[in-house]
Amino acid sequence: MKRLRVMVRDLPMRAKLTAVSTAVSTVALVLALLAGGAVMVASEYQHTVQTARTQARTLAHLAAGAMAFPDDRAAGVVLESLEQDPVVQRIELYDTGGQVVARLDRNQEGPIGDPPVPGTWRRVGTRVQVVEAVSGGDDQEQLGVAVLEVSLRPLGG
């Protein structure tokens, strides 16, 4: 350490200023990169949430017919429409009594249990769970609940 102090002390003023300027610039660049990375991660997270909410609203709209006229086959076809999306991990349709009408579960985790509150979303581990009301008819009577869980994709995934 003493050698370093002697070496720095013996440097010309121009070299000292250059070293300090380089150090400050390096720190500023690292902080800017970290901030940019944080913005990218937050943006990707918000994009995933918005996409999941849109998919859940679409799912609820498409499921209304199958829920209005209890048709398990039609409900299964609705779920199959999102089965090809690799980020979709689980879909469940519940009737107004809280019974599962149809489900798709890539990880075989079993039912969620009591259906969550419609119109909400939350993070569950590495997933986002979105809940939408399934409504139909002229008076938009609630027919059930649609629950969609999507995985949070890694950046660039």
N, C-alpha and C. Protein backbone atom coordinates (compact mmCIF):
# COMPACT_ATOMS: atom_id res chain seq x y z
N MET A 1 0.83 -1.19 0.00
CA MET A 1 0.00 0.00 0.00
C MET A 1 0.88 1.25 0.00
N LYS A 2 1.97 1.17 0.75
CA LYS A 2 2.86 2.31 0.84
C LYS A 2 3.51 2.56 -0.52
N ARG A 3 3.83 1.48 -1.24
CA ARG A 3 4.43 1.64 -2.56
C ARG A 3 3.46 2.34 -3.51
N LEU A 4 2.17 1.98 -3.39
CA LEU A 4 1.17 2.60 -4.25
C LEU A 4 1.07 4.10 -3.98
N ARG A 5 1.10 4.48 -2.71
CA ARG A 5 1.04 5.91 -2.36
C ARG A 5 2.25 6.66 -2.92
N VAL A 6 3.39 6.06 -2.79
CA VAL A 6 4.60 6.71 -3.32
C VAL A 6 4.51 6.82 -4.83
N MET A 7 4.02 5.77 -5.48
CA MET A 7 3.91 5.77 -6.94
C MET A 7 2.92 6.85 -7.40
N VAL A 8 1.78 6.94 -6.71
CA VAL A 8 0.76 7.93 -7.08
C VAL A 8 1.29 9.34 -6.78
N ARG A 9 1.98 9.50 -5.69
CA ARG A 9 2.52 10.81 -5.32
C ARG A 9 3.52 11.29 -6.37
N ASP A 10 4.28 10.38 -6.93
CA ASP A 10 5.31 10.75 -7.90
C ASP A 10 4.78 10.96 -9.31
N LEU A 11 3.51 10.65 -9.55
CA LEU A 11 2.95 10.85 -10.89
C LEU A 11 2.76 12.33 -11.17
N PRO A 12 2.88 12.73 -12.41
CA PRO A 12 2.59 14.12 -12.75
C PRO A 12 1.10 14.42 -12.56
N MET A 13 0.76 15.69 -12.39
CA MET A 13 -0.62 16.12 -12.15
C MET A 13 -1.54 15.65 -13.28
N ARG A 14 -1.11 15.73 -14.51
CA ARG A 14 -1.92 15.32 -15.67
C ARG A 14 -2.30 13.84 -15.55
N ALA A 15 -1.38 12.98 -15.16
CA ALA A 15 -1.65 11.54 -15.01
C ALA A 15 -2.63 11.30 -13.87
N LYS A 16 -2.48 12.05 -12.76
CA LYS A 16 -3.41 11.91 -11.64
C LYS A 16 -4.83 12.29 -12.05
N LEU A 17 -4.95 13.42 -12.76
CA LEU A 17 -6.28 13.86 -13.23
C LEU A 17 -6.88 12.86 -14.21
N THR A 18 -6.06 12.30 -15.07
CA THR A 18 -6.54 11.30 -16.02
C THR A 18 -7.04 10.06 -15.29
N ALA A 19 -6.30 9.62 -14.27
CA ALA A 19 -6.71 8.45 -13.50
C ALA A 19 -8.03 8.69 -12.77
N VAL A 20 -8.16 9.85 -12.15
CA VAL A 20 -9.40 10.18 -11.44
C VAL A 20 -10.56 10.28 -12.43
N SER A 21 -10.34 10.93 -13.56
CA SER A 21 -11.38 11.07 -14.58
C SER A 21 -11.81 9.70 -15.11
N THR A 22 -10.86 8.81 -15.33
CA THR A 22 -11.17 7.47 -15.82
C THR A 22 -11.98 6.69 -14.78
N ALA A 23 -11.58 6.80 -13.52
CA ALA A 23 -12.30 6.09 -12.46
C ALA A 23 -13.74 6.59 -12.33
N VAL A 24 -13.92 7.90 -12.36
CA VAL A 24 -15.27 8.48 -12.26
C VAL A 24 -16.12 8.07 -13.47
N SER A 25 -15.54 8.11 -14.65
CA SER A 25 -16.26 7.72 -15.87
C SER A 25 -16.65 6.25 -15.82
N THR A 26 -15.76 5.40 -15.32
CA THR A 26 -16.06 3.97 -15.21
C THR A 26 -17.22 3.72 -14.25
N VAL A 27 -17.20 4.38 -13.11
CA VAL A 27 -18.28 4.23 -12.14
C VAL A 27 -19.60 4.72 -12.75
N ALA A 28 -19.58 5.85 -13.44
CA ALA A 28 -20.79 6.39 -14.07
C ALA A 28 -21.32 5.42 -15.13
N LEU A 29 -20.43 4.83 -15.92
CA LEU A 29 -20.85 3.88 -16.95
C LEU A 29 -21.47 2.63 -16.33
N VAL A 30 -20.87 2.12 -15.28
CA VAL A 30 -21.42 0.93 -14.62
C VAL A 30 -22.80 1.24 -14.03
N LEU A 31 -22.95 2.40 -13.40
CA LEU A 31 -24.26 2.78 -12.84
C LEU A 31 -25.30 2.93 -13.94
N ALA A 32 -24.92 3.53 -15.07
CA ALA A 32 -25.85 3.69 -16.20
C ALA A 32 -26.27 2.33 -16.75
N LEU A 33 -25.33 1.40 -16.86
CA LEU A 33 -25.66 0.06 -17.34
C LEU A 33 -26.60 -0.67 -16.38
N LEU A 34 -26.35 -0.54 -15.08
CA LEU A 34 -27.23 -1.16 -14.09
C LEU A 34 -28.64 -0.57 -14.15
N ALA A 35 -28.71 0.75 -14.28
CA ALA A 35 -30.02 1.41 -14.37
C ALA A 35 -30.74 0.97 -15.64
N GLY A 36 -30.03 0.89 -16.75
CA GLY A 36 -30.64 0.45 -18.00
C GLY A 36 -31.13 -0.98 -17.91
N GLY A 37 -30.35 -1.84 -17.25
CA GLY A 37 -30.78 -3.23 -17.05
C GLY A 37 -32.02 -3.32 -16.19
N ALA A 38 -32.09 -2.51 -15.15
CA ALA A 38 -33.26 -2.51 -14.28
C ALA A 38 -34.51 -2.05 -15.03
N VAL A 39 -34.35 -1.05 -15.88
CA VAL A 39 -35.47 -0.57 -16.69
C VAL A 39 -35.93 -1.66 -17.65
N MET A 40 -34.98 -2.37 -18.25
CA MET A 40 -35.34 -3.46 -19.18
C MET A 40 -36.11 -4.57 -18.46
N VAL A 41 -35.65 -4.95 -17.27
CA VAL A 41 -36.32 -6.01 -16.52
C VAL A 41 -37.73 -5.56 -16.13
N ALA A 42 -37.87 -4.34 -15.64
CA ALA A 42 -39.19 -3.82 -15.26
C ALA A 42 -40.12 -3.75 -16.46
N SER A 43 -39.59 -3.33 -17.59
CA SER A 43 -40.39 -3.24 -18.81
C SER A 43 -40.85 -4.62 -19.27
N GLU A 44 -39.97 -5.59 -19.22
CA GLU A 44 -40.32 -6.97 -19.60
C GLU A 44 -41.39 -7.53 -18.65
N TYR A 45 -41.25 -7.25 -17.36
CA TYR A 45 -42.22 -7.70 -16.37
C TYR A 45 -43.60 -7.09 -16.66
N GLN A 46 -43.64 -5.78 -16.89
CA GLN A 46 -44.91 -5.11 -17.18
C GLN A 46 -45.52 -5.63 -18.47
N HIS A 47 -44.68 -5.89 -19.47
CA HIS A 47 -45.18 -6.44 -20.74
C HIS A 47 -45.80 -7.82 -20.51
N THR A 48 -45.15 -8.66 -19.71
CA THR A 48 -45.69 -9.99 -19.42
C THR A 48 -47.02 -9.89 -18.69
N VAL A 49 -47.11 -9.00 -17.72
CA VAL A 49 -48.36 -8.82 -16.97
C VAL A 49 -49.47 -8.34 -17.90
N GLN A 50 -49.19 -7.34 -18.74
CA GLN A 50 -50.21 -6.82 -19.65
C GLN A 50 -50.66 -7.88 -20.65
N THR A 51 -49.72 -8.66 -21.16
CA THR A 51 -50.07 -9.73 -22.10
C THR A 51 -50.95 -10.77 -21.41
N ALA A 52 -50.58 -11.14 -20.18
CA ALA A 52 -51.36 -12.13 -19.43
C ALA A 52 -52.77 -11.60 -19.13
N ARG A 53 -52.88 -10.33 -18.79
CA ARG A 53 -54.20 -9.75 -18.52
C ARG A 53 -55.07 -9.75 -19.79
N THR A 54 -54.46 -9.45 -20.91
CA THR A 54 -55.20 -9.47 -22.18
C THR A 54 -55.64 -10.89 -22.51
N GLN A 55 -54.73 -11.86 -22.34
CA GLN A 55 -55.08 -13.25 -22.59
C GLN A 55 -56.20 -13.72 -21.66
N ALA A 56 -56.16 -13.32 -20.40
CA ALA A 56 -57.19 -13.72 -19.44
C ALA A 56 -58.55 -13.12 -19.81
N ARG A 57 -58.56 -11.85 -20.23
CA ARG A 57 -59.83 -11.23 -20.66
C ARG A 57 -60.39 -11.95 -21.89
N THR A 58 -59.50 -12.29 -22.82
CA THR A 58 -59.93 -13.01 -24.02
C THR A 58 -60.45 -14.39 -23.65
N LEU A 59 -59.74 -15.06 -22.76
CA LEU A 59 -60.17 -16.38 -22.29
C LEU A 59 -61.55 -16.29 -21.65
N ALA A 60 -61.75 -15.31 -20.78
CA ALA A 60 -63.04 -15.15 -20.11
C ALA A 60 -64.15 -14.87 -21.12
N HIS A 61 -63.86 -14.06 -22.12
CA HIS A 61 -64.86 -13.75 -23.16
C HIS A 61 -65.21 -15.01 -23.96
N LEU A 62 -64.20 -15.76 -24.36
CA LEU A 62 -64.43 -16.97 -25.15
C LEU A 62 -65.12 -18.07 -24.34
N ALA A 63 -64.89 -18.10 -23.04
CA ALA A 63 -65.46 -19.14 -22.20
C ALA A 63 -66.91 -18.86 -21.82
N ALA A 64 -67.39 -17.66 -22.08
CA ALA A 64 -68.75 -17.29 -21.65
C ALA A 64 -69.80 -18.24 -22.22
N GLY A 65 -69.69 -18.59 -23.49
CA GLY A 65 -70.67 -19.50 -24.10
C GLY A 65 -70.66 -20.87 -23.45
N ALA A 66 -69.47 -21.40 -23.22
CA ALA A 66 -69.36 -22.72 -22.59
C ALA A 66 -69.86 -22.71 -21.16
N MET A 67 -69.74 -21.56 -20.49
CA MET A 67 -70.18 -21.47 -19.10
C MET A 67 -71.69 -21.19 -19.00
N ALA A 68 -72.23 -20.45 -19.98
CA ALA A 68 -73.66 -20.13 -19.96
C ALA A 68 -74.50 -21.38 -20.19
N PHE A 69 -74.02 -22.23 -21.10
CA PHE A 69 -74.70 -23.49 -21.40
C PHE A 69 -73.71 -24.59 -21.03
N PRO A 70 -73.70 -25.03 -19.78
CA PRO A 70 -72.64 -25.92 -19.30
C PRO A 70 -72.22 -26.97 -20.32
N ASP A 71 -71.06 -26.72 -20.90
CA ASP A 71 -70.54 -27.58 -21.96
C ASP A 71 -69.04 -27.79 -21.71
N ASP A 72 -68.72 -28.91 -21.07
CA ASP A 72 -67.32 -29.19 -20.73
C ASP A 72 -66.45 -29.31 -21.97
N ARG A 73 -66.99 -29.86 -23.04
CA ARG A 73 -66.21 -30.02 -24.28
C ARG A 73 -65.85 -28.66 -24.86
N ALA A 74 -66.82 -27.76 -24.91
CA ALA A 74 -66.56 -26.41 -25.44
C ALA A 74 -65.57 -25.67 -24.54
N ALA A 75 -65.67 -25.87 -23.24
CA ALA A 75 -64.72 -25.23 -22.32
C ALA A 75 -63.31 -25.76 -22.56
N GLY A 76 -63.19 -27.06 -22.83
CA GLY A 76 -61.89 -27.63 -23.15
C GLY A 76 -61.30 -27.07 -24.42
N VAL A 77 -62.14 -26.82 -25.42
CA VAL A 77 -61.68 -26.24 -26.68
C VAL A 77 -61.16 -24.82 -26.44
N VAL A 78 -61.81 -24.08 -25.57
CA VAL A 78 -61.36 -22.73 -25.24
C VAL A 78 -59.97 -22.78 -24.62
N LEU A 79 -59.75 -23.72 -23.71
CA LEU A 79 -58.44 -23.85 -23.08
C LEU A 79 -57.38 -24.24 -24.09
N GLU A 80 -57.72 -25.09 -25.02
CA GLU A 80 -56.77 -25.53 -26.05
C GLU A 80 -56.28 -24.37 -26.91
N SER A 81 -57.09 -23.31 -27.00
CA SER A 81 -56.68 -22.16 -27.82
C SER A 81 -55.43 -21.49 -27.26
N LEU A 82 -55.18 -21.61 -25.96
CA LEU A 82 -53.99 -21.03 -25.35
C LEU A 82 -52.91 -22.07 -25.03
N GLU A 83 -53.20 -23.33 -25.31
CA GLU A 83 -52.27 -24.41 -24.97
C GLU A 83 -50.95 -24.30 -25.73
N GLN A 84 -50.97 -23.73 -26.92
CA GLN A 84 -49.77 -23.63 -27.74
C GLN A 84 -48.81 -22.54 -27.27
N ASP A 85 -49.28 -21.63 -26.44
CA ASP A 85 -48.41 -20.57 -25.94
C ASP A 85 -47.51 -21.16 -24.86
N PRO A 86 -46.18 -21.16 -25.08
CA PRO A 86 -45.28 -21.82 -24.12
C PRO A 86 -45.22 -21.16 -22.75
N VAL A 87 -45.60 -19.91 -22.62
CA VAL A 87 -45.54 -19.27 -21.30
C VAL A 87 -46.77 -19.58 -20.45
N VAL A 88 -47.85 -20.05 -21.08
CA VAL A 88 -49.06 -20.40 -20.32
C VAL A 88 -48.79 -21.69 -19.55
N GLN A 89 -48.87 -21.62 -18.23
CA GLN A 89 -48.60 -22.77 -17.38
C GLN A 89 -49.86 -23.43 -16.84
N ARG A 90 -50.88 -22.62 -16.56
CA ARG A 90 -52.10 -23.19 -16.00
C ARG A 90 -53.29 -22.30 -16.36
N ILE A 91 -54.40 -22.96 -16.68
CA ILE A 91 -55.66 -22.26 -16.92
C ILE A 91 -56.73 -23.05 -16.19
N GLU A 92 -57.59 -22.34 -15.48
CA GLU A 92 -58.71 -22.98 -14.82
C GLU A 92 -59.96 -22.14 -15.01
N LEU A 93 -61.06 -22.81 -15.30
CA LEU A 93 -62.37 -22.16 -15.38
C LEU A 93 -63.21 -22.68 -14.22
N TYR A 94 -63.77 -21.77 -13.44
CA TYR A 94 -64.61 -22.13 -12.30
C TYR A 94 -66.03 -21.64 -12.57
N ASP A 95 -67.03 -22.43 -12.12
CA ASP A 95 -68.40 -21.94 -12.18
C ASP A 95 -68.66 -21.06 -10.96
N THR A 96 -69.85 -20.52 -10.85
CA THR A 96 -70.15 -19.60 -9.74
C THR A 96 -70.14 -20.30 -8.39
N GLY A 97 -70.25 -21.62 -8.39
CA GLY A 97 -70.18 -22.38 -7.14
C GLY A 97 -68.76 -22.71 -6.72
N GLY A 98 -67.76 -22.29 -7.51
CA GLY A 98 -66.37 -22.54 -7.18
C GLY A 98 -65.84 -23.89 -7.64
N GLN A 99 -66.64 -24.60 -8.45
CA GLN A 99 -66.22 -25.90 -8.97
C GLN A 99 -65.45 -25.72 -10.27
N VAL A 100 -64.39 -26.52 -10.45
CA VAL A 100 -63.59 -26.46 -11.68
C VAL A 100 -64.40 -27.05 -12.82
N VAL A 101 -64.56 -26.25 -13.88
CA VAL A 101 -65.29 -26.69 -15.07
C VAL A 101 -64.31 -27.28 -16.08
N ALA A 102 -63.17 -26.61 -16.25
CA ALA A 102 -62.14 -27.09 -17.17
C ALA A 102 -60.79 -26.60 -16.68
N ARG A 103 -59.74 -27.38 -16.98
CA ARG A 103 -58.41 -26.95 -16.55
C ARG A 103 -57.35 -27.49 -17.48
N LEU A 104 -56.29 -26.72 -17.56
CA LEU A 104 -55.07 -27.10 -18.28
C LEU A 104 -53.93 -26.82 -17.31
N ASP A 105 -53.12 -27.84 -17.02
CA ASP A 105 -52.05 -27.69 -16.04
C ASP A 105 -50.80 -28.38 -16.57
N ARG A 106 -49.86 -27.60 -17.09
CA ARG A 106 -48.64 -28.18 -17.67
C ARG A 106 -47.79 -28.91 -16.63
N ASN A 107 -47.81 -28.47 -15.39
CA ASN A 107 -46.94 -29.04 -14.35
C ASN A 107 -47.65 -30.00 -13.42
N GLN A 108 -48.91 -30.31 -13.70
CA GLN A 108 -49.69 -31.25 -12.89
C GLN A 108 -49.64 -30.91 -11.41
N GLU A 109 -49.92 -29.64 -11.08
CA GLU A 109 -49.85 -29.18 -9.69
C GLU A 109 -51.17 -29.31 -8.95
N GLY A 110 -52.22 -29.64 -9.65
CA GLY A 110 -53.51 -29.73 -8.99
C GLY A 110 -54.23 -28.39 -9.00
N PRO A 111 -55.51 -28.41 -8.63
CA PRO A 111 -56.30 -27.17 -8.64
C PRO A 111 -55.74 -26.11 -7.69
N ILE A 112 -56.03 -24.86 -8.00
CA ILE A 112 -55.57 -23.73 -7.18
C ILE A 112 -56.28 -23.76 -5.83
N GLY A 113 -57.50 -24.23 -5.80
CA GLY A 113 -58.28 -24.20 -4.56
C GLY A 113 -59.42 -23.23 -4.75
N ASP A 114 -59.66 -22.42 -3.76
CA ASP A 114 -60.70 -21.40 -3.89
C ASP A 114 -60.30 -20.43 -4.99
N PRO A 115 -61.22 -20.17 -5.95
CA PRO A 115 -60.85 -19.24 -7.01
C PRO A 115 -60.58 -17.84 -6.45
N PRO A 116 -59.49 -17.21 -6.89
CA PRO A 116 -59.18 -15.85 -6.42
C PRO A 116 -60.22 -14.84 -6.90
N VAL A 117 -60.08 -13.62 -6.44
CA VAL A 117 -61.01 -12.53 -6.75
C VAL A 117 -60.85 -12.10 -8.20
N PRO A 118 -61.95 -12.05 -8.97
CA PRO A 118 -61.87 -11.61 -10.37
C PRO A 118 -61.38 -10.17 -10.50
N GLY A 119 -60.69 -9.91 -11.61
CA GLY A 119 -60.19 -8.57 -11.88
C GLY A 119 -58.86 -8.28 -11.20
N THR A 120 -58.20 -9.31 -10.68
CA THR A 120 -56.94 -9.11 -9.98
C THR A 120 -55.82 -9.89 -10.66
N TRP A 121 -54.61 -9.52 -10.31
CA TRP A 121 -53.45 -10.30 -10.72
C TRP A 121 -52.43 -10.24 -9.60
N ARG A 122 -51.58 -11.26 -9.55
CA ARG A 122 -50.54 -11.30 -8.54
C ARG A 122 -49.39 -12.17 -9.02
N ARG A 123 -48.26 -11.95 -8.42
CA ARG A 123 -47.09 -12.77 -8.74
C ARG A 123 -47.10 -13.97 -7.80
N VAL A 124 -46.91 -15.15 -8.38
CA VAL A 124 -46.85 -16.39 -7.61
C VAL A 124 -45.54 -17.08 -7.99
N GLY A 125 -44.51 -16.85 -7.20
CA GLY A 125 -43.20 -17.43 -7.52
C GLY A 125 -42.66 -16.85 -8.82
N THR A 126 -42.43 -17.73 -9.79
CA THR A 126 -41.91 -17.30 -11.09
C THR A 126 -43.03 -17.14 -12.11
N ARG A 127 -44.24 -16.96 -11.63
CA ARG A 127 -45.40 -16.83 -12.52
C ARG A 127 -46.22 -15.59 -12.18
N VAL A 128 -47.06 -15.24 -13.12
CA VAL A 128 -48.06 -14.20 -12.90
C VAL A 128 -49.42 -14.87 -13.03
N GLN A 129 -50.27 -14.69 -12.02
CA GLN A 129 -51.61 -15.27 -12.03
C GLN A 129 -52.62 -14.14 -12.24
N VAL A 130 -53.46 -14.28 -13.26
CA VAL A 130 -54.46 -13.27 -13.58
C VAL A 130 -55.84 -13.92 -13.46
N VAL A 131 -56.77 -13.20 -12.83
CA VAL A 131 -58.12 -13.72 -12.61
C VAL A 131 -59.12 -12.75 -13.24
N GLU A 132 -59.99 -13.29 -14.07
CA GLU A 132 -61.03 -12.47 -14.72
C GLU A 132 -62.39 -13.14 -14.54
N ALA A 133 -63.41 -12.31 -14.43
CA ALA A 133 -64.78 -12.83 -14.34
C ALA A 133 -65.24 -13.26 -15.72
N VAL A 134 -65.95 -14.37 -15.78
CA VAL A 134 -66.58 -14.82 -17.02
C VAL A 134 -68.02 -14.35 -16.94
N SER A 135 -68.39 -13.46 -17.85
CA SER A 135 -69.74 -12.87 -17.83
C SER A 135 -70.40 -13.09 -19.18
N GLY A 136 -71.72 -13.12 -19.14
CA GLY A 136 -72.45 -13.31 -20.40
C GLY A 136 -73.88 -12.83 -20.28
N GLY A 137 -74.55 -12.85 -21.40
CA GLY A 137 -75.94 -12.42 -21.45
C GLY A 137 -76.05 -10.91 -21.56
N ASP A 138 -77.28 -10.46 -21.76
CA ASP A 138 -77.51 -9.02 -21.91
C ASP A 138 -77.18 -8.24 -20.64
N ASP A 139 -77.38 -8.87 -19.49
CA ASP A 139 -77.12 -8.17 -18.23
C ASP A 139 -75.70 -8.42 -17.71
N GLN A 140 -74.88 -9.10 -18.49
CA GLN A 140 -73.49 -9.41 -18.12
C GLN A 140 -73.41 -10.10 -16.76
N GLU A 141 -74.31 -11.08 -16.57
CA GLU A 141 -74.33 -11.87 -15.34
C GLU A 141 -73.01 -12.65 -15.23
N GLN A 142 -72.46 -12.70 -14.02
CA GLN A 142 -71.22 -13.46 -13.83
C GLN A 142 -71.54 -14.94 -13.87
N LEU A 143 -70.86 -15.64 -14.77
CA LEU A 143 -71.07 -17.07 -14.98
C LEU A 143 -69.99 -17.91 -14.30
N GLY A 144 -68.88 -17.27 -13.97
CA GLY A 144 -67.78 -18.00 -13.37
C GLY A 144 -66.53 -17.16 -13.34
N VAL A 145 -65.40 -17.83 -13.20
CA VAL A 145 -64.10 -17.16 -13.09
C VAL A 145 -63.10 -17.91 -13.96
N ALA A 146 -62.26 -17.14 -14.65
CA ALA A 146 -61.16 -17.70 -15.43
C ALA A 146 -59.85 -17.32 -14.75
N VAL A 147 -58.98 -18.31 -14.53
CA VAL A 147 -57.68 -18.08 -13.91
C VAL A 147 -56.61 -18.52 -14.90
N LEU A 148 -55.68 -17.61 -15.17
CA LEU A 148 -54.59 -17.87 -16.10
C LEU A 148 -53.28 -17.63 -15.38
N GLU A 149 -52.35 -18.59 -15.47
CA GLU A 149 -51.01 -18.43 -14.91
C GLU A 149 -50.01 -18.54 -16.05
N VAL A 150 -49.15 -17.53 -16.16
CA VAL A 150 -48.08 -17.55 -17.18
C VAL A 150 -46.73 -17.43 -16.48
N SER A 151 -45.71 -18.04 -17.08
CA SER A 151 -44.39 -17.94 -16.49
C SER A 151 -43.75 -16.62 -16.90
N LEU A 152 -42.94 -16.09 -16.01
CA LEU A 152 -42.18 -14.90 -16.32
C LEU A 152 -40.99 -15.36 -17.16
N ARG A 153 -40.98 -14.93 -18.41
CA ARG A 153 -39.92 -15.35 -19.33
C ARG A 153 -38.60 -14.72 -18.93
N PRO A 154 -37.51 -15.48 -19.12
CA PRO A 154 -36.20 -14.85 -18.95
C PRO A 154 -35.99 -13.85 -20.07
N LEU A 155 -35.18 -12.84 -19.83
CA LEU A 155 -34.94 -11.83 -20.87
C LEU A 155 -34.43 -12.50 -22.13
N GLY A 156 -34.96 -12.08 -23.26
CA GLY A 156 -34.56 -12.62 -24.55
C GLY A 156 -35.23 -13.94 -24.85
N GLY A 157 -36.15 -14.41 -23.95
CA GLY A 157 -36.79 -15.72 -24.13
C GLY A 157 -38.05 -15.63 -24.88
